PDB file of N, CA and C in Angstrom:
ATOM      1  N   MET A   1      -0.702 -13.678   5.935  1.00  0.00           N
ATOM      2  CA  MET A   1      -0.931 -13.108   7.248  1.00  0.00           C
ATOM      3  C   MET A   1      -1.122 -11.605   7.127  1.00  0.00           C
ATOM      4  N   SER A   2      -1.536 -10.998   8.207  1.00  0.00           N
ATOM      5  CA  SER A   2      -1.746  -9.560   8.210  1.00  0.00           C
ATOM      6  C   SER A   2      -1.485  -9.013   9.607  1.00  0.00           C
ATOM      7  N   VAL A   3      -1.384  -7.696   9.675  1.00  0.00           N
ATOM      8  CA  VAL A   3      -1.234  -7.004  10.952  1.00  0.00           C
ATOM      9  C   VAL A   3      -2.436  -6.077  11.119  1.00  0.00           C
ATOM     10  N   PRO A   4      -2.909  -5.904  12.350  1.00  0.00           N
ATOM     11  CA  PRO A   4      -4.092  -5.076  12.567  1.00  0.00           C
ATOM     12  C   PRO A   4      -3.775  -3.588  12.518  1.00  0.00           C
ATOM     13  N   VAL A   5      -4.777  -2.819  12.154  1.00  0.00           N
ATOM     14  CA  VAL A   5      -4.698  -1.354  12.211  1.00  0.00           C
ATOM     15  C   VAL A   5      -5.480  -0.918  13.444  1.00  0.00           C
ATOM     16  N   LYS A   6      -4.810  -0.284  14.357  1.00  0.00           N
ATOM     17  CA  LYS A   6      -5.408   0.255  15.585  1.00  0.00           C
ATOM     18  C   LYS A   6      -5.066   1.734  15.664  1.00  0.00           C
ATOM     19  N   PHE A   7      -6.062   2.553  15.976  1.00  0.00           N
ATOM     20  CA  PHE A   7      -5.869   4.001  16.030  1.00  0.00           C
ATOM     21  C   PHE A   7      -5.252   4.466  14.704  1.00  0.00           C
ATOM     22  N   ILE A   8      -4.090   5.113  14.737  1.00  0.00           N
ATOM     23  CA  ILE A   8      -3.362   5.466  13.518  1.00  0.00           C
ATOM     24  C   ILE A   8      -2.113   4.585  13.516  1.00  0.00           C
ATOM     25  N   THR A   9      -1.994   3.757  12.512  1.00  0.00           N
ATOM     26  CA  THR A   9      -0.934   2.752  12.502  1.00  0.00           C
ATOM     27  C   THR A   9       0.069   3.010  11.385  1.00  0.00           C
ATOM     28  N   VAL A  10       1.337   3.016  11.766  1.00  0.00           N
ATOM     29  CA  VAL A  10       2.418   3.041  10.787  1.00  0.00           C
ATOM     30  C   VAL A  10       2.801   1.588  10.534  1.00  0.00           C
ATOM     31  N   VAL A  11       2.678   1.162   9.288  1.00  0.00           N
ATOM     32  CA  VAL A  11       3.024  -0.200   8.904  1.00  0.00           C
ATOM     33  C   VAL A  11       4.351  -0.137   8.151  1.00  0.00           C
ATOM     34  N   LEU A  12       5.316  -0.895   8.629  1.00  0.00           N
ATOM     35  CA  LEU A  12       6.663  -0.867   8.059  1.00  0.00           C
ATOM     36  C   LEU A  12       7.056  -2.255   7.568  1.00  0.00           C
ATOM     37  N   LYS A  13       7.774  -2.280   6.462  1.00  0.00           N
ATOM     38  CA  LYS A  13       8.333  -3.537   5.975  1.00  0.00           C
ATOM     39  C   LYS A  13       9.511  -3.917   6.867  1.00  0.00           C
ATOM     40  N   LYS A  14       9.612  -5.195   7.189  1.00  0.00           N
ATOM     41  CA  LYS A  14      10.733  -5.651   8.010  1.00  0.00           C
ATOM     42  C   LYS A  14      12.065  -5.383   7.315  1.00  0.00           C
ATOM     43  N   GLU A  15      12.113  -5.583   6.010  1.00  0.00           N
ATOM     44  CA  GLU A  15      13.374  -5.335   5.281  1.00  0.00           C
ATOM     45  C   GLU A  15      13.767  -3.860   5.340  1.00  0.00           C
ATOM     46  N   PHE A  16      12.775  -2.967   5.350  1.00  0.00           N
ATOM     47  CA  PHE A  16      13.021  -1.533   5.491  1.00  0.00           C
ATOM     48  C   PHE A  16      13.676  -1.245   6.835  1.00  0.00           C
ATOM     49  N   LEU A  17      13.133  -1.855   7.899  1.00  0.00           N
ATOM     50  CA  LEU A  17      13.692  -1.650   9.235  1.00  0.00           C
ATOM     51  C   LEU A  17      15.104  -2.218   9.331  1.00  0.00           C
ATOM     52  N   GLU A  18      15.329  -3.362   8.720  1.00  0.00           N
ATOM     53  CA  GLU A  18      16.658  -3.966   8.739  1.00  0.00           C
ATOM     54  C   GLU A  18      17.677  -3.053   8.062  1.00  0.00           C
ATOM     55  N   ASP A  19      17.235  -2.412   6.979  1.00  0.00           N
ATOM     56  CA  ASP A  19      18.138  -1.537   6.219  1.00  0.00           C
ATOM     57  C   ASP A  19      18.359  -0.172   6.868  1.00  0.00           C
ATOM     58  N   TYR A  20      17.334   0.380   7.503  1.00  0.00           N
ATOM     59  CA  TYR A  20      17.416   1.781   7.918  1.00  0.00           C
ATOM     60  C   TYR A  20      17.389   2.051   9.422  1.00  0.00           C
ATOM     61  N   PHE A  21      16.760   1.207  10.212  1.00  0.00           N
ATOM     62  CA  PHE A  21      16.692   1.506  11.642  1.00  0.00           C
ATOM     63  C   PHE A  21      18.035   1.174  12.280  1.00  0.00           C
ATOM     64  N   PRO A  22      18.593   2.087  13.072  1.00  0.00           N
ATOM     65  CA  PRO A  22      19.879   1.804  13.725  1.00  0.00           C
ATOM     66  C   PRO A  22      19.801   0.516  14.558  1.00  0.00           C
ATOM     67  N   GLY A  23      20.606  -0.458  14.209  1.00  0.00           N
ATOM     68  CA  GLY A  23      20.576  -1.748  14.898  1.00  0.00           C
ATOM     69  C   GLY A  23      19.657  -2.752  14.228  1.00  0.00           C
ATOM     70  N   GLY A  24      18.953  -2.328  13.169  1.00  0.00           N
ATOM     71  CA  GLY A  24      18.123  -3.241  12.395  1.00  0.00           C
ATOM     72  C   GLY A  24      16.794  -3.593  13.039  1.00  0.00           C
ATOM     73  N   LEU A  25      16.182  -4.625  12.507  1.00  0.00           N
ATOM     74  CA  LEU A  25      14.857  -5.060  12.952  1.00  0.00           C
ATOM     75  C   LEU A  25      14.845  -5.440  14.424  1.00  0.00           C
ATOM     76  N   GLY A  26      15.872  -6.152  14.865  1.00  0.00           N
ATOM     77  CA  GLY A  26      15.924  -6.561  16.272  1.00  0.00           C
ATOM     78  C   GLY A  26      15.888  -5.374  17.221  1.00  0.00           C
ATOM     79  N   ALA A  27      16.636  -4.341  16.907  1.00  0.00           N
ATOM     80  CA  ALA A  27      16.644  -3.141  17.746  1.00  0.00           C
ATOM     81  C   ALA A  27      15.282  -2.453  17.722  1.00  0.00           C
ATOM     82  N   PHE A  28      14.644  -2.426  16.554  1.00  0.00           N
ATOM     83  CA  PHE A  28      13.324  -1.810  16.459  1.00  0.00           C
ATOM     84  C   PHE A  28      12.326  -2.558  17.341  1.00  0.00           C
ATOM     85  N   LEU A  29      12.340  -3.891  17.271  1.00  0.00           N
ATOM     86  CA  LEU A  29      11.403  -4.687  18.073  1.00  0.00           C
ATOM     87  C   LEU A  29      11.700  -4.578  19.565  1.00  0.00           C
ATOM     88  N   ARG A  30      12.937  -4.331  19.925  1.00  0.00           N
ATOM     89  CA  ARG A  30      13.250  -4.087  21.344  1.00  0.00           C
ATOM     90  C   ARG A  30      12.757  -2.703  21.770  1.00  0.00           C
ATOM     91  N   THR A  31      12.780  -1.743  20.840  1.00  0.00           N
ATOM     92  CA  THR A  31      12.302  -0.390  21.133  1.00  0.00           C
ATOM     93  C   THR A  31      10.779  -0.371  21.279  1.00  0.00           C
ATOM     94  N   TYR A  32      10.104  -1.176  20.464  1.00  0.00           N
ATOM     95  CA  TYR A  32       8.632  -1.276  20.483  1.00  0.00           C
ATOM     96  C   TYR A  32       8.260  -2.736  20.747  1.00  0.00           C
ATOM     97  N   PRO A  33       8.398  -3.209  21.997  1.00  0.00           N
ATOM     98  CA  PRO A  33       8.295  -4.648  22.273  1.00  0.00           C
ATOM     99  C   PRO A  33       6.902  -5.261  22.168  1.00  0.00           C
ATOM    100  N   GLU A  34       5.862  -4.490  22.218  1.00  0.00           N
ATOM    101  CA  GLU A  34       4.516  -5.071  22.266  1.00  0.00           C
ATOM    102  C   GLU A  34       3.715  -4.851  20.991  1.00  0.00           C
ATOM    103  N   ILE A  35       4.368  -4.563  19.900  1.00  0.00           N
ATOM    104  CA  ILE A  35       3.654  -4.283  18.658  1.00  0.00           C
ATOM    105  C   ILE A  35       3.425  -5.569  17.853  1.00  0.00           C
ATOM    106  N   PRO A  36       2.347  -5.594  17.072  1.00  0.00           N
ATOM    107  CA  PRO A  36       2.097  -6.777  16.242  1.00  0.00           C
ATOM    108  C   PRO A  36       2.983  -6.791  14.999  1.00  0.00           C
ATOM    109  N   TYR A  37       3.313  -7.995  14.568  1.00  0.00           N
ATOM    110  CA  TYR A  37       4.075  -8.162  13.332  1.00  0.00           C
ATOM    111  C   TYR A  37       3.777  -9.539  12.750  1.00  0.00           C
ATOM    112  N   ASP A  38       4.083  -9.683  11.474  1.00  0.00           N
ATOM    113  CA  ASP A  38       3.960 -10.966  10.809  1.00  0.00           C
ATOM    114  C   ASP A  38       5.269 -11.259  10.082  1.00  0.00           C
ATOM    115  N   GLU A  39       5.233 -12.109   9.105  1.00  0.00           N
ATOM    116  CA  GLU A  39       6.442 -12.510   8.395  1.00  0.00           C
ATOM    117  C   GLU A  39       7.133 -11.356   7.674  1.00  0.00           C
ATOM    118  N   HIS A  40       6.341 -10.378   7.182  1.00  0.00           N
ATOM    119  CA  HIS A  40       6.898  -9.297   6.367  1.00  0.00           C
ATOM    120  C   HIS A  40       6.732  -7.893   6.941  1.00  0.00           C
ATOM    121  N   LEU A  41       5.745  -7.699   7.825  1.00  0.00           N
ATOM    122  CA  LEU A  41       5.360  -6.356   8.252  1.00  0.00           C
ATOM    123  C   LEU A  41       5.385  -6.195   9.766  1.00  0.00           C
ATOM    124  N   VAL A  42       5.552  -4.954  10.187  1.00  0.00           N
ATOM    125  CA  VAL A  42       5.470  -4.549  11.588  1.00  0.00           C
ATOM    126  C   VAL A  42       4.462  -3.410  11.656  1.00  0.00           C
ATOM    127  N   ALA A  43       3.588  -3.415  12.654  1.00  0.00           N
ATOM    128  CA  ALA A  43       2.559  -2.381  12.798  1.00  0.00           C
ATOM    129  C   ALA A  43       2.757  -1.632  14.110  1.00  0.00           C
ATOM    130  N   VAL A  44       2.906  -0.314  14.006  1.00  0.00           N
ATOM    131  CA  VAL A  44       3.108   0.515  15.198  1.00  0.00           C
ATOM    132  C   VAL A  44       1.911   1.449  15.340  1.00  0.00           C
ATOM    133  N   PRO A  45       1.024   1.166  16.306  1.00  0.00           N
ATOM    134  CA  PRO A  45      -0.142   2.033  16.485  1.00  0.00           C
ATOM    135  C   PRO A  45       0.175   3.241  17.361  1.00  0.00           C
ATOM    136  N   PHE A  46      -0.395   4.370  16.982  1.00  0.00           N
ATOM    137  CA  PHE A  46      -0.272   5.601  17.758  1.00  0.00           C
ATOM    138  C   PHE A  46      -1.666   6.188  17.965  1.00  0.00           C
ATOM    139  N   MET A  47      -1.875   6.822  19.103  1.00  0.00           N
ATOM    140  CA  MET A  47      -3.157   7.461  19.371  1.00  0.00           C
ATOM    141  C   MET A  47      -3.186   8.905  18.882  1.00  0.00           C
ATOM    142  N   SER A  48      -2.046   9.419  18.483  1.00  0.00           N
ATOM    143  CA  SER A  48      -1.963  10.805  18.034  1.00  0.00           C
ATOM    144  C   SER A  48      -1.167  10.886  16.739  1.00  0.00           C
ATOM    145  N   SER A  49      -1.648  11.714  15.821  1.00  0.00           N
ATOM    146  CA  SER A  49      -0.913  11.901  14.568  1.00  0.00           C
ATOM    147  C   SER A  49       0.435  12.572  14.808  1.00  0.00           C
ATOM    148  N   GLN A  50       0.589  13.269  15.914  1.00  0.00           N
ATOM    149  CA  GLN A  50       1.870  13.889  16.242  1.00  0.00           C
ATOM    150  C   GLN A  50       2.969  12.830  16.301  1.00  0.00           C
ATOM    151  N   TYR A  51       2.684  11.691  16.931  1.00  0.00           N
ATOM    152  CA  TYR A  51       3.685  10.632  17.054  1.00  0.00           C
ATOM    153  C   TYR A  51       3.948   9.952  15.717  1.00  0.00           C
ATOM    154  N   VAL A  52       2.935   9.881  14.870  1.00  0.00           N
ATOM    155  CA  VAL A  52       3.115   9.363  13.514  1.00  0.00           C
ATOM    156  C   VAL A  52       4.104  10.254  12.765  1.00  0.00           C
ATOM    157  N   HIS A  53       3.878  11.557  12.838  1.00  0.00           N
ATOM    158  CA  HIS A  53       4.770  12.511  12.173  1.00  0.00           C
ATOM    159  C   HIS A  53       6.198  12.409  12.714  1.00  0.00           C
ATOM    160  N   GLU A  54       6.327  12.219  14.021  1.00  0.00           N
ATOM    161  CA  GLU A  54       7.662  12.090  14.608  1.00  0.00           C
ATOM    162  C   GLU A  54       8.388  10.871  14.062  1.00  0.00           C
ATOM    163  N   MET A  55       7.673   9.743  13.925  1.00  0.00           N
ATOM    164  CA  MET A  55       8.309   8.540  13.388  1.00  0.00           C
ATOM    165  C   MET A  55       8.703   8.745  11.923  1.00  0.00           C
ATOM    166  N   VAL A  56       7.801   9.295  11.136  1.00  0.00           N
ATOM    167  CA  VAL A  56       8.099   9.544   9.720  1.00  0.00           C
ATOM    168  C   VAL A  56       9.269  10.519   9.594  1.00  0.00           C
ATOM    169  N   ASN A  57       9.274  11.566  10.398  1.00  0.00           N
ATOM    170  CA  ASN A  57      10.372  12.546  10.366  1.00  0.00           C
ATOM    171  C   ASN A  57      11.706  11.909  10.749  1.00  0.00           C
ATOM    172  N   MET A  58      11.689  10.992  11.713  1.00  0.00           N
ATOM    173  CA  MET A  58      12.911  10.315  12.129  1.00  0.00           C
ATOM    174  C   MET A  58      13.489   9.522  10.958  1.00  0.00           C
ATOM    175  N   PHE A  59      12.641   8.769  10.256  1.00  0.00           N
ATOM    176  CA  PHE A  59      13.132   7.997   9.115  1.00  0.00           C
ATOM    177  C   PHE A  59      13.586   8.913   7.977  1.00  0.00           C
ATOM    178  N   THR A  60      12.889  10.002   7.776  1.00  0.00           N
ATOM    179  CA  THR A  60      13.294  10.965   6.749  1.00  0.00           C
ATOM    180  C   THR A  60      14.653  11.562   7.091  1.00  0.00           C
ATOM    181  N   TYR A  61      14.850  11.908   8.349  1.00  0.00           N
ATOM    182  CA  TYR A  61      16.103  12.509   8.800  1.00  0.00           C
ATOM    183  C   TYR A  61      17.303  11.602   8.547  1.00  0.00           C
ATOM    184  N   ILE A  62      17.121  10.293   8.737  1.00  0.00           N
ATOM    185  CA  ILE A  62      18.250   9.372   8.547  1.00  0.00           C
ATOM    186  C   ILE A  62      18.403   8.934   7.091  1.00  0.00           C
ATOM    187  N   GLY A  63      17.566   9.482   6.201  1.00  0.00           N
ATOM    188  CA  GLY A  63      17.714   9.207   4.776  1.00  0.00           C
ATOM    189  C   GLY A  63      17.024   7.954   4.282  1.00  0.00           C
ATOM    190  N   ALA A  64      16.066   7.454   5.035  1.00  0.00           N
ATOM    191  CA  ALA A  64      15.351   6.239   4.648  1.00  0.00           C
ATOM    192  C   ALA A  64      14.415   6.508   3.474  1.00  0.00           C
ATOM    193  N   ASP A  65      14.220   5.512   2.654  1.00  0.00           N
ATOM    194  CA  ASP A  65      13.315   5.583   1.505  1.00  0.00           C
ATOM    195  C   ASP A  65      11.888   5.295   1.989  1.00  0.00           C
ATOM    196  N   ILE A  66      11.279   6.289   2.633  1.00  0.00           N
ATOM    197  CA  ILE A  66       9.973   6.052   3.256  1.00  0.00           C
ATOM    198  C   ILE A  66       8.875   5.735   2.246  1.00  0.00           C
ATOM    199  N   ASP A  67       8.998   6.225   1.026  1.00  0.00           N
ATOM    200  CA  ASP A  67       7.967   5.953   0.019  1.00  0.00           C
ATOM    201  C   ASP A  67       7.890   4.475  -0.332  1.00  0.00           C
ATOM    202  N   ASN A  68       8.950   3.732  -0.086  1.00  0.00           N
ATOM    203  CA  ASN A  68       8.984   2.308  -0.395  1.00  0.00           C
ATOM    204  C   ASN A  68       9.123   1.430   0.837  1.00  0.00           C
ATOM    205  N   GLY A  69       8.989   2.031   2.020  1.00  0.00           N
ATOM    206  CA  GLY A  69       9.198   1.250   3.228  1.00  0.00           C
ATOM    207  C   GLY A  69       8.105   1.293   4.262  1.00  0.00           C
ATOM    208  N   LEU A  70       7.216   2.294   4.180  1.00  0.00           N
ATOM    209  CA  LEU A  70       6.165   2.384   5.190  1.00  0.00           C
ATOM    210  C   LEU A  70       4.875   2.932   4.608  1.00  0.00           C
ATOM    211  N   ALA A  71       3.789   2.602   5.276  1.00  0.00           N
ATOM    212  CA  ALA A  71       2.459   3.093   4.917  1.00  0.00           C
ATOM    213  C   ALA A  71       1.737   3.447   6.216  1.00  0.00           C
ATOM    214  N   ILE A  72       0.678   4.248   6.103  1.00  0.00           N
ATOM    215  CA  ILE A  72      -0.049   4.721   7.282  1.00  0.00           C
ATOM    216  C   ILE A  72      -1.541   4.513   7.051  1.00  0.00           C
ATOM    217  N   CYS A  73      -2.235   4.038   8.100  1.00  0.00           N
ATOM    218  CA  CYS A  73      -3.679   3.827   8.004  1.00  0.00           C
ATOM    219  C   CYS A  73      -4.337   4.208   9.324  1.00  0.00           C
ATOM    220  N   CYS A  74      -5.504   4.808   9.229  1.00  0.00           N
ATOM    221  CA  CYS A  74      -6.315   5.164  10.397  1.00  0.00           C
ATOM    222  C   CYS A  74      -7.459   4.161  10.504  1.00  0.00           C
ATOM    223  N   MET A  75      -7.734   3.690  11.701  1.00  0.00           N
ATOM    224  CA  MET A  75      -8.762   2.669  11.877  1.00  0.00           C
ATOM    225  C   MET A  75     -10.165   3.171  11.545  1.00  0.00           C
ATOM    226  N   SER A  76     -10.382   4.475  11.534  1.00  0.00           N
ATOM    227  CA  SER A  76     -11.726   4.973  11.249  1.00  0.00           C
ATOM    228  C   SER A  76     -11.893   5.544   9.845  1.00  0.00           C
ATOM    229  N   THR A  77     -10.791   6.039   9.241  1.00  0.00           N
ATOM    230  CA  THR A  77     -10.919   6.663   7.922  1.00  0.00           C
ATOM    231  C   THR A  77     -10.205   5.911   6.807  1.00  0.00           C
ATOM    232  N   GLY A  78      -9.369   4.929   7.158  1.00  0.00           N
ATOM    233  CA  GLY A  78      -8.667   4.156   6.144  1.00  0.00           C
ATOM    234  C   GLY A  78      -7.275   4.683   5.853  1.00  0.00           C
ATOM    235  N   PRO A  79      -6.690   4.264   4.717  1.00  0.00           N
ATOM    236  CA  PRO A  79      -5.305   4.608   4.397  1.00  0.00           C
ATOM    237  C   PRO A  79      -5.053   6.109   4.277  1.00  0.00           C
ATOM    238  N   TRP A  80      -3.913   6.535   4.840  1.00  0.00           N
ATOM    239  CA  TRP A  80      -3.447   7.913   4.724  1.00  0.00           C
ATOM    240  C   TRP A  80      -2.270   8.015   3.768  1.00  0.00           C
ATOM    241  N   ALA A  81      -1.422   6.995   3.769  1.00  0.00           N
ATOM    242  CA  ALA A  81      -0.245   6.958   2.895  1.00  0.00           C
ATOM    243  C   ALA A  81      -0.009   5.512   2.488  1.00  0.00           C
ATOM    244  N   THR A  82       0.219   5.295   1.219  1.00  0.00           N
ATOM    245  CA  THR A  82       0.406   3.938   0.723  1.00  0.00           C
ATOM    246  C   THR A  82       1.870   3.688   0.356  1.00  0.00           C
ATOM    247  N   CYS A  83       2.151   2.434   0.082  1.00  0.00           N
ATOM    248  CA  CYS A  83       3.515   2.003  -0.201  1.00  0.00           C
ATOM    249  C   CYS A  83       3.441   0.732  -1.037  1.00  0.00           C
ATOM    250  N   PRO A  84       4.346   0.564  -2.002  1.00  0.00           N
ATOM    251  CA  PRO A  84       4.361  -0.690  -2.743  1.00  0.00           C
ATOM    252  C   PRO A  84       4.518  -1.897  -1.803  1.00  0.00           C
ATOM    253  N   ASP A  85       3.794  -2.940  -2.081  1.00  0.00           N
ATOM    254  CA  ASP A  85       3.839  -4.205  -1.338  1.00  0.00           C
ATOM    255  C   ASP A  85       3.130  -4.178   0.007  1.00  0.00           C
ATOM    256  N   ILE A  86       2.519  -3.066   0.375  1.00  0.00           N
ATOM    257  CA  ILE A  86       1.676  -3.028   1.577  1.00  0.00           C
ATOM    258  C   ILE A  86       0.259  -2.715   1.121  1.00  0.00           C
ATOM    259  N   GLU A  87      -0.639  -3.631   1.414  1.00  0.00           N
ATOM    260  CA  GLU A  87      -2.037  -3.489   0.999  1.00  0.00           C
ATOM    261  C   GLU A  87      -2.921  -3.385   2.242  1.00  0.00           C
ATOM    262  N   PHE A  88      -3.782  -2.381   2.273  1.00  0.00           N
ATOM    263  CA  PHE A  88      -4.746  -2.257   3.366  1.00  0.00           C
ATOM    264  C   PHE A  88      -6.057  -2.913   2.940  1.00  0.00           C
ATOM    265  N   VAL A  89      -6.616  -3.693   3.864  1.00  0.00           N
ATOM    266  CA  VAL A  89      -7.816  -4.456   3.580  1.00  0.00           C
ATOM    267  C   VAL A  89      -8.870  -4.116   4.626  1.00  0.00           C
ATOM    268  N   MET A  90     -10.090  -3.903   4.161  1.00  0.00           N
ATOM    269  CA  MET A  90     -11.202  -3.601   5.062  1.00  0.00           C
ATOM    270  C   MET A  90     -12.164  -4.784   5.083  1.00  0.00           C
ATOM    271  N   ASP A  91     -12.516  -5.243   6.276  1.00  0.00           N
ATOM    272  CA  ASP A  91     -13.472  -6.336   6.449  1.00  0.00           C
ATOM    273  C   ASP A  91     -14.705  -5.761   7.137  1.00  0.00           C
ATOM    274  N   GLU A  92     -15.726  -5.469   6.359  1.00  0.00           N
ATOM    275  CA  GLU A  92     -16.924  -4.817   6.896  1.00  0.00           C
ATOM    276  C   GLU A  92     -17.719  -5.708   7.839  1.00  0.00           C
ATOM    277  N   ALA A  93     -17.429  -6.993   7.874  1.00  0.00           N
ATOM    278  CA  ALA A  93     -18.128  -7.900   8.781  1.00  0.00           C
ATOM    279  C   ALA A  93     -17.646  -7.736  10.223  1.00  0.00           C
ATOM    280  N   LYS A  94     -16.489  -7.119  10.402  1.00  0.00           N
ATOM    281  CA  LYS A  94     -15.933  -6.910  11.742  1.00  0.00           C
ATOM    282  C   LYS A  94     -16.488  -5.619  12.347  1.00  0.00           C
ATOM    283  N   PRO A  95     -16.381  -5.470  13.665  1.00  0.00           N
ATOM    284  CA  PRO A  95     -16.787  -4.207  14.308  1.00  0.00           C
ATOM    285  C   PRO A  95     -16.018  -3.028  13.713  1.00  0.00           C
ATOM    286  N   THR A  96     -16.610  -1.861  13.754  1.00  0.00           N
ATOM    287  CA  THR A  96     -16.079  -0.669  13.098  1.00  0.00           C
ATOM    288  C   THR A  96     -14.598  -0.430  13.340  1.00  0.00           C
ATOM    289  N   PHE A  97     -14.148  -0.538  14.566  1.00  0.00           N
ATOM    290  CA  PHE A  97     -12.759  -0.193  14.868  1.00  0.00           C
ATOM    291  C   PHE A  97     -11.805  -1.371  14.743  1.00  0.00           C
ATOM    292  N   GLU A  98     -12.257  -2.470  14.146  1.00  0.00           N
ATOM    293  CA  GLU A  98     -11.400  -3.627  13.890  1.00  0.00           C
ATOM    294  C   GLU A  98     -11.422  -4.016  12.417  1.00  0.00           C
ATOM    295  N   GLN A  99     -11.940  -3.137  11.554  1.00  0.00           N
ATOM    296  CA  GLN A  99     -12.148  -3.494  10.167  1.00  0.00           C
ATOM    297  C   GLN A  99     -10.876  -3.476   9.321  1.00  0.00           C
ATOM    298  N   TRP A 100      -9.934  -2.632   9.631  1.00  0.00           N
ATOM    299  CA  TRP A 100      -8.758  -2.481   8.780  1.00  0.00           C
ATOM    300  C   TRP A 100      -7.595  -3.347   9.223  1.00  0.00           C
ATOM    301  N   SER A 101      -6.893  -3.892   8.250  1.00  0.00           N
ATOM    302  CA  SER A 101      -5.645  -4.602   8.497  1.00  0.00           C
ATOM    303  C   SER A 101      -4.713  -4.336   7.318  1.00  0.00           C
ATOM    304  N   ALA A 102      -3.460  -4.700   7.480  1.00  0.00           N
ATOM    305  CA  ALA A 102      -2.479  -4.525   6.402  1.00  0.00           C
ATOM    306  C   ALA A 102      -1.821  -5.870   6.130  1.00  0.00           C
ATOM    307  N   ARG A 103      -1.523  -6.106   4.865  1.00  0.00           N
ATOM    308  CA  ARG A 103      -0.844  -7.338   4.502  1.00  0.00           C
ATOM    309  C   ARG A 103       0.178  -7.043   3.406  1.00  0.00           C
ATOM    310  N   HIS A 104       1.152  -7.914   3.340  1.00  0.00           N
ATOM    311  CA  HIS A 104       2.178  -7.807   2.299  1.00  0.00           C
ATOM    312  C   HIS A 104       1.579  -8.336   1.007  1.00  0.00           C
ATOM    313  N   SER A 105       1.738  -7.572  -0.067  1.00  0.00           N
ATOM    314  CA  SER A 105       1.148  -8.012  -1.346  1.00  0.00           C
ATOM    315  C   SER A 105       2.211  -8.378  -2.357  1.00  0.00           C
TER     316      SER A 105
END
């Protein structure tokens, strides 16, 4: 399975959220109730890089291992930050702003 990349998307491993987000994965999904997710990943789209930075800074502040827990991709330019076990895939057959997705590898 995969999660879509919309605008600028922070893709997080569910195990990362369970370990680092206060209250775990359940609390994160209650905080962001309408975001897409699959068996392994959660995708949080933002329309502004400012909000991406705020999320990354929040995880950094609490001491999370962001290099191994999250990745970032822009729907128009592709990956901005990579992470082990998160793979970004481009499907050129799809419309321009629906080409990118992320999957657990």
